[in-house]
Amino acid sequence: MPKRINFARGVPAEEAFPRAQLELCVQGLASSREVVAYQYGPAVGPLPLREWLADYHGVDIANVMAADGSVALFDILCRIWLKPGETVLIEEPCYDRVVHLLRHYGANVIAIPMEADGPALEPLNAAARRRPLFMYTVPDFQNPTGTTWSSAKRQHLVDLARTHDFRIVEDSPYRLLRYKGAQEPWIFDIGRDVTVQLNSFSKVIAPGLRAAYLIAPPDTISAAAKVAESTYVTPGNFALSVTGEWLRRGFLGDQVASLRRLYAPRLEAMVSALDEFMAGHRYVRPEGGFFVGVTLARPIDAVQLRKQASDAGVDIADGDGFFASKPSATFLRLPFCSMDEATVRRGVEVLSAIIGKDRAKH
């Protein structure tokens, strides 16, 4: 029986996990006379990990908090900043968990349409004049489209934030996964006075560690730590300690190089398959990350598409979840990293055939 093709979730490839290195780190912590990693830890996360992160980003340790996943950290930011009815800007389409959380907290969400190099400037400028509390963005290989913001649009957002007095929440879990092309600057580095950064090692090391962190002003870190302590007491101290040990031992560079070698051909297979089977539709050509977002040339019954695809052995996500303003009958998020090139190609071919049959009916 053929293995199902999973376009529903953007998960790392199992062969990408640095298991031998992680085992060394676990053994090192387990054999140490120190028991700090086994104990309750501070709400801001274990000190060695925070020290490494502070050095990596060129900030003071008071600017760093480590926690169990960047979604949890974004939830905490919403709890300390956001009151019902306040305006928040997002990209559209946007990471679906963020859309869900903003709805949960009663935000007035303004979604900015995405272009190939970042947000459309006219809607962004108009939205900025409405005095938003913050804008959430994934500027590098965005989930779900694969879009990367240009340097000019990053600078433009920082200028808007300074002019209209709002924050930027930069989420960067895919940034290190660039397979070709030149790196754009971090928004955080352009505008440290208006930007906080979320980041995660789920895509680079392993999601099971739930290792994520926040770079922010000390007062934000302090407020976030108080919320964390009042809810989950302490993050997963052992897993975060393993992450800190892995980073301290210098494994990051080789791991990133290995991931680039593994994932680059899979991205090329995805784009090549789209060029061959879905050339009439619109999609970004990412230079990294986990996803390619496809906007279909005409609306389709998304529920029926998911059912027919599932019957054919291909699982796809509900595209509506990535939109805050109105449902989408044209958007597909296609992850590629967890599948080999032949599987990626076969999945796109199956979806194209189903979409083509739907078009023929009309």
Protein backbone atom coordinates (compact mmCIF):
# COMPACT_ATOMS: atom_id res chain seq x y z
CA MET A 1 0.00 0.00 0.00
CA PRO A 2 1.53 3.38 -1.00
CA LYS A 3 2.51 5.66 1.85
CA ARG A 4 0.26 8.67 2.30
CA ILE A 5 1.63 12.01 1.13
CA ASN A 6 1.49 14.57 3.93
CA PHE A 7 0.95 18.09 2.62
CA ALA A 8 -1.17 18.84 5.69
CA ARG A 9 1.64 19.72 8.11
CA GLY A 10 5.06 21.31 7.78
CA VAL A 11 7.19 18.90 9.77
CA PRO A 12 10.95 18.28 9.58
CA ALA A 13 12.27 15.14 7.96
CA GLU A 14 12.95 12.41 10.51
CA GLU A 15 16.38 11.83 8.98
CA ALA A 16 17.22 15.48 9.73
CA PHE A 17 17.31 15.06 13.50
CA PRO A 18 20.88 15.20 14.91
CA ARG A 19 20.24 12.17 17.09
CA ALA A 20 23.85 11.21 17.83
CA GLN A 21 24.69 14.76 18.89
CA LEU A 22 21.60 15.02 21.07
CA GLU A 23 22.44 11.69 22.72
CA LEU A 24 25.89 13.05 23.59
CA CYS A 25 24.30 16.11 25.16
CA VAL A 26 21.78 14.07 27.14
CA GLN A 27 24.53 11.75 28.37
CA GLY A 28 26.65 14.74 29.33
CA LEU A 29 23.84 16.25 31.38
CA ALA A 30 22.92 12.88 32.89
CA SER A 31 26.48 12.08 33.97
CA SER A 32 27.17 15.52 35.41
CA ARG A 33 27.22 15.96 39.16
CA GLU A 34 25.09 19.04 38.64
CA VAL A 35 21.35 18.39 38.86
CA VAL A 36 20.16 21.81 37.70
CA ALA A 37 18.72 20.42 34.46
CA TYR A 38 16.52 17.98 36.43
CA GLN A 39 15.09 20.58 38.78
CA TYR A 40 12.46 23.24 38.44
CA GLY A 41 14.09 26.12 36.63
CA PRO A 42 13.54 29.85 36.26
CA ALA A 43 10.51 30.97 34.25
CA VAL A 44 12.84 32.66 31.76
CA GLY A 45 14.59 29.36 30.97
CA PRO A 46 17.97 27.83 31.88
CA LEU A 47 20.88 30.22 32.20
CA PRO A 48 23.39 28.47 29.85
CA LEU A 49 20.91 28.54 26.95
CA ARG A 50 20.05 32.18 27.58
CA GLU A 51 23.74 33.08 27.75
CA TRP A 52 24.37 31.46 24.37
CA LEU A 53 21.35 33.21 22.82
CA ALA A 54 22.35 36.58 24.23
CA ASP A 55 25.82 36.23 22.73
CA TYR A 56 24.41 35.01 19.39
CA HIS A 57 22.09 38.01 19.05
CA GLY A 58 24.40 40.58 20.62
CA VAL A 59 22.00 41.48 23.43
CA ASP A 60 22.08 41.46 27.21
CA ILE A 61 20.87 38.32 28.95
CA ALA A 62 18.04 40.38 30.45
CA ASN A 63 16.63 40.58 26.91
CA VAL A 64 16.25 36.78 26.54
CA MET A 65 13.56 34.33 27.58
CA ALA A 66 13.47 30.64 26.58
CA ALA A 67 10.27 28.64 26.60
CA ASP A 68 8.37 25.66 25.24
CA GLY A 69 7.54 26.71 21.68
CA SER A 70 7.15 30.08 19.98
CA VAL A 71 3.36 29.77 19.87
CA ALA A 72 3.36 29.69 23.68
CA LEU A 73 5.51 32.80 23.72
CA PHE A 74 3.22 34.59 21.27
CA ASP A 75 0.28 33.64 23.47
CA ILE A 76 2.06 35.23 26.43
CA LEU A 77 2.72 38.42 24.43
CA CYS A 78 -0.99 38.59 23.62
CA ARG A 79 -1.84 38.17 27.30
CA ILE A 80 0.45 40.97 28.49
CA TRP A 81 -0.17 43.42 25.62
CA LEU A 82 -3.53 42.85 24.00
CA LYS A 83 -6.96 44.02 25.11
CA PRO A 84 -10.14 43.05 23.22
CA GLY A 85 -10.80 45.36 20.28
CA GLU A 86 -7.22 46.58 19.88
CA THR A 87 -5.86 46.56 16.35
CA VAL A 88 -3.21 44.08 15.24
CA LEU A 89 -1.72 43.75 11.75
CA ILE A 90 -0.84 40.43 10.16
CA GLU A 91 0.22 39.17 6.78
CA GLU A 92 -2.43 37.47 4.66
CA PRO A 93 -2.26 34.58 4.36
CA CYS A 94 -0.77 34.14 7.85
CA TYR A 95 0.35 31.31 10.13
CA ASP A 96 -2.96 29.76 11.18
CA ARG A 97 -2.12 29.38 14.90
CA VAL A 98 -1.54 33.12 15.14
CA VAL A 99 -4.86 33.84 13.43
CA HIS A 100 -6.57 31.56 15.96
CA LEU A 101 -4.91 33.21 18.96
CA LEU A 102 -5.71 36.73 17.82
CA ARG A 103 -9.34 35.77 17.39
CA HIS A 104 -9.31 34.16 20.83
CA TYR A 105 -8.09 37.39 22.43
CA GLY A 106 -10.62 39.51 20.57
CA ALA A 107 -8.17 41.52 18.47
CA ASN A 108 -9.32 43.74 15.63
CA VAL A 109 -7.21 42.04 12.96
CA ILE A 110 -6.22 43.87 9.79
CA ALA A 111 -4.74 41.51 7.22
CA ILE A 112 -2.21 42.91 4.74
CA PRO A 113 -2.09 41.14 1.34
CA MET A 114 1.25 39.58 0.49
CA GLU A 115 3.22 40.15 -2.69
CA ALA A 116 6.27 38.25 -3.92
CA ASP A 117 8.65 40.42 -1.84
CA GLY A 118 6.51 41.08 1.22
CA PRO A 119 3.38 43.05 2.06
CA ALA A 120 1.53 45.31 -0.36
CA LEU A 121 2.62 48.79 0.73
CA GLU A 122 -0.57 50.76 0.11
CA PRO A 123 -2.71 48.58 2.44
CA LEU A 124 0.16 48.44 4.94
CA ASN A 125 0.51 52.22 5.02
CA ALA A 126 -3.24 52.67 5.46
CA ALA A 127 -3.38 50.10 8.26
CA ALA A 128 -0.41 51.68 10.06
CA ARG A 129 -2.33 54.95 10.28
CA ARG A 130 -4.96 53.16 12.37
CA ARG A 131 -2.52 53.00 15.30
CA PRO A 132 -2.11 49.24 15.64
CA LEU A 133 -0.68 47.70 18.78
CA PHE A 134 1.72 45.52 16.78
CA MET A 135 2.30 43.74 13.49
CA TYR A 136 3.09 40.02 13.44
CA THR A 137 5.28 38.83 10.58
CA VAL A 138 7.32 35.83 9.44
CA PRO A 139 9.62 37.74 7.07
CA ASP A 140 11.87 34.84 6.04
CA PHE A 141 10.26 32.01 4.02
CA GLN A 142 6.88 32.80 5.48
CA ASN A 143 4.49 30.14 6.70
CA PRO A 144 2.32 29.55 4.65
CA THR A 145 3.48 31.18 1.37
CA GLY A 146 7.28 30.85 1.41
CA THR A 147 7.60 34.62 0.81
CA THR A 148 10.67 36.54 1.98
CA TRP A 149 10.43 40.26 2.62
CA SER A 150 12.84 42.50 0.69
CA SER A 151 15.26 44.72 2.61
CA ALA A 152 13.34 47.78 1.46
CA LYS A 153 10.04 46.52 2.85
CA ARG A 154 11.68 45.55 6.15
CA GLN A 155 13.05 49.07 6.49
CA HIS A 156 9.68 50.51 5.48
CA LEU A 157 7.91 48.57 8.24
CA VAL A 158 10.42 49.76 10.83
CA ASP A 159 9.90 53.35 9.67
CA LEU A 160 6.12 52.94 9.94
CA ALA A 161 6.43 51.45 13.43
CA ARG A 162 8.52 54.40 14.58
CA THR A 163 6.19 56.94 12.98
CA HIS A 164 2.95 55.41 14.24
CA ASP A 165 4.25 54.01 17.54
CA PHE A 166 3.56 50.30 17.20
CA ARG A 167 5.65 47.19 17.80
CA ILE A 168 6.81 44.56 15.34
CA VAL A 169 6.74 40.87 16.31
CA GLU A 170 9.27 39.15 14.04
CA ASP A 171 8.92 35.36 14.02
CA SER A 172 11.99 33.68 12.48
CA PRO A 173 11.82 29.87 12.69
CA TYR A 174 12.88 29.31 9.05
CA ARG A 175 15.56 31.97 8.65
CA LEU A 176 18.55 29.61 8.88
CA LEU A 177 17.01 27.33 6.25
CA ARG A 178 18.13 29.33 3.22
CA TYR A 179 19.14 27.01 0.38
CA LYS A 180 20.27 29.65 -2.13
CA GLY A 181 20.44 33.41 -2.55
CA ALA A 182 21.54 36.15 -0.18
CA GLN A 183 20.26 36.60 3.37
CA GLU A 184 18.11 39.64 4.11
CA PRO A 185 18.72 41.54 7.36
CA TRP A 186 16.73 40.68 10.45
CA ILE A 187 13.99 43.24 11.10
CA PHE A 188 15.21 43.12 14.70
CA ASP A 189 18.63 44.35 13.64
CA ILE A 190 17.15 47.18 11.56
CA GLY A 191 14.83 48.37 14.32
CA ARG A 192 15.71 47.03 17.76
CA ASP A 193 13.82 49.90 19.34
CA VAL A 194 10.48 48.75 17.87
CA THR A 195 10.96 45.00 17.32
CA VAL A 196 10.72 41.88 19.47
CA GLN A 197 11.80 38.59 17.99
CA LEU A 198 10.41 35.09 18.38
CA ASN A 199 12.50 32.16 17.26
CA SER A 200 12.50 28.39 17.51
CA PHE A 201 14.83 25.43 17.08
CA SER A 202 11.98 23.09 16.11
CA LYS A 203 12.87 23.18 12.41
CA VAL A 204 16.64 23.21 12.94
CA ILE A 205 17.14 20.66 15.74
CA ALA A 206 13.89 18.82 16.58
CA PRO A 207 10.34 19.92 17.45
CA GLY A 208 10.19 17.46 20.33
CA LEU A 209 12.55 19.69 22.31
CA ARG A 210 10.00 22.55 22.13
CA ALA A 211 12.97 24.92 22.31
CA ALA A 212 12.01 28.52 21.50
CA TYR A 213 12.93 31.95 22.71
CA LEU A 214 11.95 35.62 22.83
CA ILE A 215 14.28 38.61 22.40
CA ALA A 216 12.63 41.72 23.88
CA PRO A 217 13.18 44.65 26.25
CA PRO A 218 13.77 43.63 29.88
CA ASP A 219 10.37 44.92 31.02
CA THR A 220 8.64 42.73 28.42
CA ILE A 221 10.76 39.73 29.45
CA SER A 222 9.89 40.34 33.11
CA ALA A 223 6.16 40.61 32.39
CA ALA A 224 6.26 37.51 30.19
CA ALA A 225 8.11 35.55 32.89
CA LYS A 226 5.45 36.44 35.47
CA VAL A 227 2.71 35.12 33.17
CA ALA A 228 4.75 31.97 32.49
CA GLU A 229 5.36 31.31 36.17
CA SER A 230 1.68 31.77 37.00
CA THR A 231 0.59 29.29 34.32
CA TYR A 232 3.15 26.53 33.75
CA VAL A 233 5.59 27.35 36.61
CA THR A 234 8.70 26.54 34.59
CA PRO A 235 9.40 25.54 30.97
CA GLY A 236 10.77 22.11 30.10
CA ASN A 237 14.05 22.67 31.87
CA PHE A 238 15.72 19.44 30.81
CA ALA A 239 14.89 19.75 27.10
CA LEU A 240 15.97 23.39 27.06
CA SER A 241 19.17 22.43 28.87
CA VAL A 242 19.85 19.79 26.21
CA THR A 243 19.35 22.48 23.57
CA GLY A 244 21.75 24.81 25.36
CA GLU A 245 24.37 22.07 25.63
CA TRP A 246 23.97 21.23 21.92
CA LEU A 247 24.49 24.87 20.98
CA ARG A 248 27.39 25.28 23.40
CA ARG A 249 29.19 22.31 21.82
CA GLY A 250 29.11 24.10 18.45
CA PHE A 251 26.84 21.75 16.51
CA LEU A 252 24.64 24.43 14.91
CA GLY A 253 26.79 25.26 11.87
CA ASP A 254 27.20 21.67 10.68
CA GLN A 255 23.52 20.93 11.31
CA VAL A 256 22.37 23.90 9.23
CA ALA A 257 24.71 22.88 6.40
CA SER A 258 23.32 19.34 6.54
CA LEU A 259 19.74 20.58 6.43
CA ARG A 260 20.47 22.75 3.43
CA ARG A 261 21.92 19.78 1.55
CA LEU A 262 18.90 17.65 2.45
CA TYR A 263 16.12 20.15 1.81
CA ALA A 264 17.36 22.12 -1.21
CA PRO A 265 16.64 19.31 -3.71
CA ARG A 266 13.17 18.87 -2.20
CA LEU A 267 12.36 22.53 -2.73
CA GLU A 268 13.64 22.28 -6.30
CA ALA A 269 11.45 19.21 -6.83
CA MET A 270 8.41 21.11 -5.53
CA VAL A 271 8.95 24.14 -7.77
CA SER A 272 9.76 21.95 -10.77
CA ALA A 273 6.58 19.92 -10.24
CA LEU A 274 4.51 23.09 -9.92
CA ASP A 275 6.05 24.43 -13.13
CA GLU A 276 5.15 21.20 -14.90
CA PHE A 277 1.72 20.42 -13.50
CA MET A 278 0.33 23.72 -12.17
CA ALA A 279 1.87 26.39 -14.38
CA GLY A 280 -1.46 28.19 -14.75
CA HIS A 281 -1.58 29.01 -11.05
CA ARG A 282 0.37 31.58 -9.01
CA TYR A 283 3.07 30.67 -6.49
CA VAL A 284 6.14 32.16 -4.87
CA ARG A 285 9.51 30.64 -5.70
CA PRO A 286 11.12 30.43 -2.24
CA GLU A 287 14.86 30.24 -1.70
CA GLY A 288 14.42 28.31 1.55
CA GLY A 289 12.05 27.32 4.32
CA PHE A 290 9.44 24.57 4.40
CA PHE A 291 6.55 25.77 2.21
CA VAL A 292 5.35 26.89 -1.18
CA GLY A 293 1.99 28.66 -1.19
CA VAL A 294 -0.16 28.24 -4.30
CA THR A 295 -3.01 30.56 -5.27
CA LEU A 296 -5.25 28.77 -7.74
CA ALA A 297 -6.33 30.50 -10.92
CA ARG A 298 -9.98 30.08 -10.04
CA PRO A 299 -12.00 29.21 -6.90
CA ILE A 300 -12.56 25.56 -6.07
CA ASP A 301 -14.68 23.66 -3.59
CA ALA A 302 -11.98 23.32 -0.92
CA VAL A 303 -13.87 20.73 1.14
CA GLN A 304 -14.35 18.54 -1.91
CA LEU A 305 -10.71 19.01 -2.92
CA ARG A 306 -9.50 17.83 0.49
CA LYS A 307 -11.80 14.81 0.35
CA GLN A 308 -10.77 13.81 -3.17
CA ALA A 309 -7.11 14.35 -2.35
CA SER A 310 -7.43 12.25 0.80
CA ASP A 311 -9.09 9.47 -1.19
CA ALA A 312 -6.10 9.61 -3.53
CA GLY A 313 -3.63 9.37 -0.63
CA VAL A 314 -2.71 13.06 -0.30
CA ASP A 315 -3.51 15.01 2.87
CA ILE A 316 -3.75 18.82 2.59
CA ALA A 317 -4.44 21.57 5.11
CA ASP A 318 -7.58 23.66 5.23
CA GLY A 319 -6.58 26.85 3.42
CA ASP A 320 -9.22 28.90 5.21
CA GLY A 321 -7.27 28.73 8.46
CA PHE A 322 -4.56 31.01 7.05
CA PHE A 323 -6.99 33.87 6.39
CA ALA A 324 -8.47 36.28 8.90
CA SER A 325 -10.62 38.43 6.63
CA LYS A 326 -12.59 35.93 4.58
CA PRO A 327 -12.38 32.26 3.60
CA SER A 328 -10.13 31.35 0.72
CA ALA A 329 -11.33 29.07 -2.05
CA THR A 330 -8.05 29.34 -3.92
CA PHE A 331 -5.12 28.84 -1.52
CA LEU A 332 -3.00 25.73 -0.95
CA ARG A 333 -0.02 25.44 1.41
CA LEU A 334 2.38 22.78 0.16
CA PRO A 335 5.20 21.73 2.52
CA PHE A 336 8.05 19.72 1.04
CA CYS A 337 10.74 19.08 3.67
CA SER A 338 9.50 15.79 5.13
CA MET A 339 9.26 14.02 1.75
CA ASP A 340 11.79 12.90 -0.83
CA GLU A 341 11.75 14.44 -4.28
CA ALA A 342 9.73 11.68 -5.94
CA THR A 343 7.02 11.90 -3.28
CA VAL A 344 6.82 15.68 -3.61
CA ARG A 345 6.42 15.38 -7.37
CA ARG A 346 3.77 12.68 -7.09
CA GLY A 347 1.75 14.72 -4.60
CA VAL A 348 1.69 17.78 -6.84
CA GLU A 349 0.72 15.63 -9.82
CA VAL A 350 -2.21 14.11 -7.91
CA LEU A 351 -3.48 17.51 -6.78
CA SER A 352 -3.13 18.94 -10.27
CA ALA A 353 -5.20 16.12 -11.74
CA ILE A 354 -7.99 16.68 -9.20
CA ILE A 355 -7.99 20.45 -9.74
CA GLY A 356 -7.97 19.93 -13.49
CA LYS A 357 -11.03 17.68 -13.30
CA ASP A 358 -12.84 20.33 -11.25
CA ARG A 359 -11.97 22.95 -13.85
CA ALA A 360 -13.23 20.69 -16.63
CA LYS A 361 -16.64 20.45 -14.92
CA HIS A 362 -16.98 24.22 -15.18
